[in-house]
Amino acid sequence: MAATKTGSMKTKGKAEAAAQTLSVERNLTLEVVRVTEAAAIAAARLTGLGDEMAADQAAVDAMRTALNDLEIDGTIVIGEGERDSTPMLYIGEKVGSGKGPRIDIALDPLEGTSATAKGGSNALCVIAFANAGCFLNAPDVYMDKIAVGAGLPDNVVDLDLKPAENLKRLAAARGVAISELTVCILDRPRHMDLISQVRETGARIALIADGDVAGIIATTDPATGVDIYMGSGGAPEGVLAAAALRCIGGQMQARLIFRNEDERSRARRLGIDKLDRKYSLHDLASGDVIFAATGVTDGTMLQGVKRIAGGFKVNSLVMRSQTGTIRRIEALIRPPA
């Protein structure tokens, strides 16, 4: 009888612990959006003033303060550079109270610094939470990416295929002509050849000035008209986009791009030994993922921060992969006097 009772108590203890963990994670789903809201409001105060560094630093400071208010044992695995090389939220930085669940964090305090400084569009504050070890610990280098939305055959596109072949396969899967497809590409000189190859197929192109996280997420929303994302951008943004796709659905492949030995050495220090590896969506982000974004300036995904009497109106998106929950939140925030 004693053995049975002990076993029962152990089982009950495990069940209670599991329930407590689930409760904590559910609470975090709403707490995490408060972090991006704080960063967005701080950055929005500097919209159109022409100072990219000041806007980015304002978002960083507000995000760090909000993160440190959370009851988590958090480690930043995707941030803005390595320790001692940046005043920003760096890879390896510990945040939170030190109590509560162990959380790995991927973040971009201000995706679209140029857009914010110039009063442009699609600037976001972005963050993702996952259990420890579930994000690719990628260095701050470039990453080649290809992504499509949900509801398509597995591996319908492949990073190693030519743009024309990928568009041919995607058009066949959608049952449309290639000329009806729209490809989202960052407007950068390095993409001139890619743009030329895409245009030769007859597909349309949506060039974006900044924000490839929003560009990749756009492939999941028919209202945007974007069918596929192609091209290179930051590796941190690639992991964040993968976190979003894990929640909302879609496919993505990526490969790190190294321009010199210093960047290769940084990757090795983070435990990446196969430098030419092609990563799938689940290689980039796995497990139970929470993703949140708040608009700083108006964009295709979210409206930007708006001043109201005594405060601000903000629009956010928060998603969780385990439940498939997607929340759009409009909040009126009045800072304390």
Protein backbone atom coordinates (compact mmCIF):
# COMPACT_ATOMS: atom_id res chain seq x y z
CA MET A 1 0.00 0.00 0.00
CA ALA A 2 2.83 2.41 0.86
CA ALA A 3 4.46 1.81 -2.52
CA THR A 4 1.17 2.43 -4.28
CA LYS A 5 0.60 5.63 -2.36
CA THR A 6 4.12 6.87 -3.13
CA GLY A 7 3.65 6.13 -6.82
CA SER A 8 0.32 7.92 -6.78
CA MET A 9 1.89 10.95 -5.11
CA LYS A 10 4.67 11.04 -7.71
CA THR A 11 2.13 10.86 -10.53
CA LYS A 12 0.07 13.62 -8.93
CA GLY A 13 3.20 15.74 -8.50
CA LYS A 14 4.12 15.35 -12.17
CA ALA A 15 0.58 16.25 -13.24
CA GLU A 16 0.58 19.34 -11.05
CA ALA A 17 3.98 20.39 -12.39
CA ALA A 18 2.77 19.92 -15.96
CA ALA A 19 -0.37 21.94 -15.27
CA GLN A 20 1.71 24.69 -13.67
CA THR A 21 4.06 24.80 -16.67
CA LEU A 22 1.12 25.03 -19.06
CA SER A 23 -0.36 27.85 -17.00
CA VAL A 24 2.94 29.72 -17.05
CA GLU A 25 3.22 29.36 -20.82
CA ARG A 26 -0.35 30.56 -21.33
CA ASN A 27 0.38 33.60 -19.22
CA LEU A 28 3.55 34.25 -21.23
CA THR A 29 1.54 34.32 -24.45
CA LEU A 30 -0.02 37.58 -23.28
CA GLU A 31 2.99 38.86 -21.34
CA VAL A 32 5.29 38.61 -24.36
CA VAL A 33 3.19 41.07 -26.38
CA ARG A 34 3.65 43.68 -23.66
CA VAL A 35 7.38 43.49 -24.42
CA THR A 36 6.91 44.36 -28.10
CA GLU A 37 4.34 47.04 -27.24
CA ALA A 38 6.83 48.80 -24.95
CA ALA A 39 9.56 48.69 -27.61
CA ALA A 40 7.22 49.92 -30.35
CA ILE A 41 6.04 52.93 -28.35
CA ALA A 42 9.63 53.87 -27.51
CA ALA A 43 10.74 53.62 -31.15
CA ALA A 44 7.65 55.41 -32.48
CA ARG A 45 8.55 58.54 -30.52
CA LEU A 46 11.52 58.89 -32.92
CA THR A 47 9.66 58.15 -36.19
CA GLY A 48 10.70 60.44 -39.01
CA LEU A 49 13.53 62.14 -37.10
CA GLY A 50 16.24 60.61 -39.28
CA ASP A 51 18.23 58.94 -36.49
CA GLU A 52 18.33 55.17 -36.99
CA MET A 53 20.66 54.48 -34.08
CA ALA A 54 18.57 56.46 -31.60
CA ALA A 55 15.35 54.71 -32.66
CA ASP A 56 16.98 51.30 -32.39
CA GLN A 57 18.48 52.08 -28.97
CA ALA A 58 15.14 53.34 -27.67
CA ALA A 59 13.49 50.07 -28.72
CA VAL A 60 16.31 48.03 -27.17
CA ASP A 61 16.15 49.84 -23.83
CA ALA A 62 12.37 49.49 -23.58
CA MET A 63 12.45 45.82 -24.60
CA ARG A 64 15.19 44.99 -22.08
CA THR A 65 13.27 46.69 -19.25
CA ALA A 66 10.05 44.85 -20.15
CA LEU A 67 11.84 41.48 -20.41
CA ASN A 68 13.46 41.93 -17.01
CA ASP A 69 10.00 42.38 -15.48
CA LEU A 70 8.98 38.85 -16.55
CA GLU A 71 9.12 35.82 -14.24
CA ILE A 72 11.38 33.82 -16.58
CA ASP A 73 14.94 32.51 -16.71
CA GLY A 74 15.57 33.91 -20.17
CA THR A 75 18.59 33.71 -22.47
CA ILE A 76 18.87 35.65 -25.72
CA VAL A 77 20.03 33.29 -28.46
CA ILE A 78 19.13 35.52 -31.41
CA GLY A 79 19.99 39.15 -30.74
CA GLU A 80 22.00 42.07 -32.03
CA GLY A 81 25.61 40.88 -31.98
CA GLU A 82 27.82 39.29 -29.36
CA ARG A 83 28.70 40.46 -25.86
CA ASP A 84 31.12 43.42 -25.66
CA SER A 85 30.58 44.21 -29.37
CA THR A 86 27.26 46.01 -28.97
CA PRO A 87 25.23 47.95 -26.40
CA MET A 88 22.19 46.17 -27.77
CA LEU A 89 20.48 43.01 -26.54
CA TYR A 90 23.32 40.59 -27.25
CA ILE A 91 23.55 36.85 -27.84
CA GLY A 92 23.93 35.14 -24.47
CA GLU A 93 22.45 37.99 -22.41
CA LYS A 94 20.33 36.83 -19.47
CA VAL A 95 16.96 38.52 -19.00
CA GLY A 96 14.00 38.10 -16.70
CA SER A 97 13.83 37.56 -12.96
CA GLY A 98 15.90 34.37 -13.13
CA LYS A 99 12.91 32.46 -11.76
CA GLY A 100 10.28 30.58 -13.71
CA PRO A 101 10.65 28.57 -16.91
CA ARG A 102 13.92 28.46 -18.86
CA ILE A 103 13.23 30.33 -22.07
CA ASP A 104 15.35 30.91 -25.17
CA ILE A 105 14.58 34.23 -26.83
CA ALA A 106 14.95 35.43 -30.42
CA LEU A 107 14.35 39.12 -30.97
CA ASP A 108 14.69 42.13 -33.20
CA PRO A 109 13.85 45.19 -31.09
CA LEU A 110 13.31 47.26 -34.24
CA GLU A 111 13.05 45.55 -37.61
CA GLY A 112 13.08 48.46 -40.01
CA THR A 113 15.36 51.06 -38.46
CA SER A 114 15.58 52.94 -41.76
CA ALA A 115 11.81 52.87 -42.19
CA THR A 116 11.37 54.29 -38.70
CA ALA A 117 13.96 57.02 -39.16
CA LYS A 118 12.48 58.02 -42.53
CA GLY A 119 8.83 57.68 -41.53
CA GLY A 120 8.45 54.74 -43.93
CA SER A 121 6.35 51.60 -43.67
CA ASN A 122 6.50 48.08 -42.22
CA ALA A 123 8.69 48.77 -39.15
CA LEU A 124 8.04 46.21 -36.40
CA CYS A 125 9.23 45.19 -32.96
CA VAL A 126 9.53 41.40 -32.96
CA ILE A 127 10.24 38.68 -30.40
CA ALA A 128 9.85 34.91 -30.07
CA PHE A 129 10.03 32.59 -27.04
CA ALA A 130 10.72 28.86 -27.02
CA ASN A 131 11.93 26.23 -24.61
CA ALA A 132 15.71 26.07 -24.22
CA GLY A 133 17.48 24.65 -27.29
CA CYS A 134 14.62 25.12 -29.76
CA PHE A 135 16.03 28.00 -31.84
CA LEU A 136 19.00 27.78 -34.19
CA ASN A 137 21.75 29.71 -32.41
CA ALA A 138 22.71 31.63 -35.53
CA PRO A 139 25.39 34.34 -35.72
CA ASP A 140 24.54 37.82 -36.98
CA VAL A 141 25.43 37.09 -40.63
CA TYR A 142 23.47 36.92 -43.87
CA MET A 143 21.13 34.05 -44.66
CA ASP A 144 19.71 32.89 -47.99
CA LYS A 145 15.99 32.17 -47.63
CA ILE A 146 13.00 30.85 -49.49
CA ALA A 147 9.51 30.63 -47.98
CA VAL A 148 5.91 29.93 -48.93
CA GLY A 149 2.64 29.77 -47.02
CA ALA A 150 0.61 26.81 -45.78
CA GLY A 151 -1.57 24.37 -47.71
CA LEU A 152 1.06 23.34 -50.28
CA PRO A 153 2.78 19.99 -50.93
CA ASP A 154 5.84 19.35 -48.79
CA ASN A 155 9.09 20.64 -50.30
CA VAL A 156 7.20 22.34 -53.13
CA VAL A 157 10.12 24.76 -53.40
CA ASP A 158 13.80 24.19 -52.71
CA LEU A 159 16.60 26.61 -51.92
CA ASP A 160 18.95 24.78 -54.29
CA LEU A 161 16.70 25.12 -57.35
CA LYS A 162 16.78 28.01 -59.81
CA PRO A 163 14.07 30.67 -59.35
CA ALA A 164 12.38 29.60 -62.58
CA GLU A 165 12.06 25.99 -61.41
CA ASN A 166 10.72 27.00 -58.02
CA LEU A 167 8.12 29.27 -59.61
CA LYS A 168 7.14 26.54 -62.06
CA ARG A 169 6.60 24.08 -59.21
CA LEU A 170 4.70 26.61 -57.09
CA ALA A 171 2.45 27.62 -59.99
CA ALA A 172 1.63 23.95 -60.66
CA ALA A 173 0.82 23.35 -57.00
CA ARG A 174 -1.49 26.38 -56.94
CA GLY A 175 -3.03 25.57 -60.31
CA VAL A 176 -2.18 28.98 -61.78
CA ALA A 177 0.14 30.42 -64.41
CA ILE A 178 3.55 31.68 -63.29
CA SER A 179 2.46 35.15 -64.41
CA GLU A 180 -0.13 35.12 -61.61
CA LEU A 181 2.51 34.65 -58.89
CA THR A 182 4.03 37.48 -56.85
CA VAL A 183 7.51 37.16 -55.40
CA CYS A 184 8.59 39.26 -52.40
CA ILE A 185 12.26 40.33 -52.53
CA LEU A 186 14.28 42.82 -50.49
CA ASP A 187 15.26 45.77 -52.67
CA ARG A 188 19.04 45.43 -52.49
CA PRO A 189 21.82 45.64 -55.12
CA ARG A 190 22.84 42.06 -54.27
CA HIS A 191 19.47 40.87 -55.60
CA MET A 192 19.79 42.33 -59.10
CA ASP A 193 20.46 38.92 -60.69
CA LEU A 194 17.64 37.27 -58.72
CA ILE A 195 15.22 40.02 -59.76
CA SER A 196 16.25 39.60 -63.39
CA GLN A 197 15.73 35.82 -63.28
CA VAL A 198 12.30 36.17 -61.68
CA ARG A 199 11.17 38.75 -64.24
CA GLU A 200 12.24 36.48 -67.08
CA THR A 201 9.63 33.96 -65.90
CA GLY A 202 6.82 36.54 -66.13
CA ALA A 203 6.14 36.51 -62.38
CA ARG A 204 5.43 39.78 -60.60
CA ILE A 205 7.77 41.15 -57.93
CA ALA A 206 6.95 43.04 -54.75
CA LEU A 207 10.14 44.84 -53.72
CA ILE A 208 10.38 45.82 -50.06
CA ALA A 209 12.80 48.33 -48.59
CA ASP A 210 13.07 46.66 -45.17
CA GLY A 211 11.53 43.97 -43.06
CA ASP A 212 12.01 40.46 -44.39
CA VAL A 213 10.26 39.02 -41.33
CA ALA A 214 7.08 40.77 -42.46
CA GLY A 215 7.88 39.79 -46.05
CA ILE A 216 8.05 36.10 -45.18
CA ILE A 217 4.91 36.26 -43.03
CA ALA A 218 3.13 37.92 -45.97
CA THR A 219 3.33 34.61 -47.87
CA THR A 220 0.83 33.15 -45.37
CA ASP A 221 -1.87 35.78 -45.92
CA PRO A 222 -3.76 35.74 -49.25
CA ALA A 223 -4.77 39.37 -48.69
CA THR A 224 -1.16 40.50 -49.23
CA GLY A 225 -0.99 38.95 -52.70
CA VAL A 226 2.49 37.57 -51.93
CA ASP A 227 3.01 33.93 -52.93
CA ILE A 228 6.70 33.34 -52.19
CA TYR A 229 9.68 35.03 -50.57
CA MET A 230 13.17 34.75 -52.09
CA GLY A 231 16.56 36.25 -51.36
CA SER A 232 19.07 36.92 -48.61
CA GLY A 233 18.74 38.92 -45.42
CA GLY A 234 19.85 38.74 -41.82
CA ALA A 235 20.12 35.35 -40.14
CA PRO A 236 18.46 36.62 -36.93
CA GLU A 237 15.47 37.75 -38.98
CA GLY A 238 15.42 34.32 -40.64
CA VAL A 239 15.04 32.57 -37.28
CA LEU A 240 12.33 35.01 -36.21
CA ALA A 241 10.43 34.45 -39.48
CA ALA A 242 10.70 30.70 -38.96
CA ALA A 243 9.27 31.10 -35.46
CA ALA A 244 6.29 32.92 -36.95
CA LEU A 245 5.76 30.25 -39.64
CA ARG A 246 5.84 27.55 -36.98
CA CYS A 247 2.80 29.26 -35.45
CA ILE A 248 0.89 30.34 -38.54
CA GLY A 249 1.88 27.63 -41.04
CA GLY A 250 4.15 27.58 -44.04
CA GLN A 251 7.42 26.22 -45.38
CA MET A 252 10.91 27.68 -45.28
CA GLN A 253 14.48 26.70 -46.15
CA ALA A 254 17.62 28.68 -45.37
CA ARG A 255 21.40 28.61 -45.52
CA LEU A 256 23.91 30.85 -43.76
CA ILE A 257 26.10 33.06 -45.96
CA PHE A 258 29.65 33.84 -44.83
CA ARG A 259 31.66 36.70 -46.35
CA ASN A 260 34.92 36.14 -44.52
CA GLU A 261 36.77 33.95 -42.01
CA ASP A 262 35.70 36.11 -39.08
CA GLU A 263 32.03 35.31 -39.77
CA ARG A 264 32.84 31.61 -40.14
CA SER A 265 34.70 31.67 -36.82
CA ARG A 266 31.72 33.31 -35.12
CA ALA A 267 29.47 30.52 -36.39
CA ARG A 268 31.83 27.85 -35.07
CA ARG A 269 31.90 29.53 -31.65
CA LEU A 270 28.11 29.15 -31.56
CA GLY A 271 28.40 25.43 -32.28
CA ILE A 272 27.75 25.47 -36.04
CA ASP A 273 30.26 23.13 -37.67
CA LYS A 274 28.56 22.37 -40.99
CA LEU A 275 28.71 25.84 -42.50
CA ASP A 276 26.98 24.99 -45.79
CA ARG A 277 24.02 23.20 -44.20
CA LYS A 278 20.56 23.78 -45.62
CA TYR A 279 18.12 24.35 -42.76
CA SER A 280 14.45 23.42 -42.79
CA LEU A 281 11.75 25.31 -40.91
CA HIS A 282 12.00 22.92 -37.94
CA ASP A 283 15.79 23.21 -37.88
CA LEU A 284 15.40 26.96 -37.41
CA ALA A 285 12.60 26.87 -34.82
CA SER A 286 11.10 23.86 -33.06
CA GLY A 287 9.10 22.95 -29.97
CA ASP A 288 6.45 25.19 -28.46
CA VAL A 289 7.02 28.66 -29.93
CA ILE A 290 5.40 31.96 -28.96
CA PHE A 291 5.80 34.80 -31.48
CA ALA A 292 4.78 38.42 -31.06
CA ALA A 293 5.11 41.56 -33.18
CA THR A 294 3.90 45.13 -32.71
CA GLY A 295 3.72 47.69 -35.50
CA VAL A 296 5.87 50.81 -35.21
CA THR A 297 4.90 52.31 -38.57
CA ASP A 298 1.95 51.32 -40.75
CA GLY A 299 2.54 48.21 -42.83
CA THR A 300 0.91 45.32 -44.66
CA MET A 301 0.81 43.21 -41.49
CA LEU A 302 0.10 45.71 -38.71
CA GLN A 303 -0.79 49.35 -38.21
CA GLY A 304 1.81 51.49 -36.54
CA VAL A 305 1.71 53.31 -33.21
CA LYS A 306 -0.81 56.16 -33.12
CA ARG A 307 -0.81 58.97 -30.57
CA ILE A 308 -4.08 59.46 -28.70
CA ALA A 309 -5.04 61.83 -25.89
CA GLY A 310 -2.73 60.96 -23.02
CA GLY A 311 -1.22 57.88 -24.62
CA PHE A 312 -0.88 55.56 -27.62
CA LYS A 313 -2.89 53.09 -29.67
CA VAL A 314 -0.86 50.04 -30.68
CA ASN A 315 -1.59 46.99 -32.85
CA SER A 316 0.04 43.63 -32.24
CA LEU A 317 0.02 40.03 -33.38
CA VAL A 318 0.76 37.18 -30.97
CA MET A 319 0.77 33.49 -31.90
CA ARG A 320 1.55 30.14 -30.29
CA SER A 321 2.56 27.06 -32.25
CA GLN A 322 1.29 24.44 -29.77
CA THR A 323 -2.31 25.64 -29.84
CA GLY A 324 -2.36 27.34 -33.23
CA THR A 325 -3.79 30.42 -31.53
CA ILE A 326 -3.43 33.69 -33.43
CA ARG A 327 -4.47 36.87 -31.67
CA ARG A 328 -4.63 40.37 -33.09
CA ILE A 329 -4.61 42.87 -30.27
CA GLU A 330 -5.42 46.56 -30.37
CA ALA A 331 -4.45 48.24 -27.12
CA LEU A 332 -4.83 51.76 -25.76
CA ILE A 333 -1.84 52.41 -23.53
CA ARG A 334 -1.54 55.41 -21.28
CA PRO A 335 1.90 55.62 -19.66
CA PRO A 336 1.89 56.45 -15.93
CA ALA A 337 2.21 60.13 -15.17
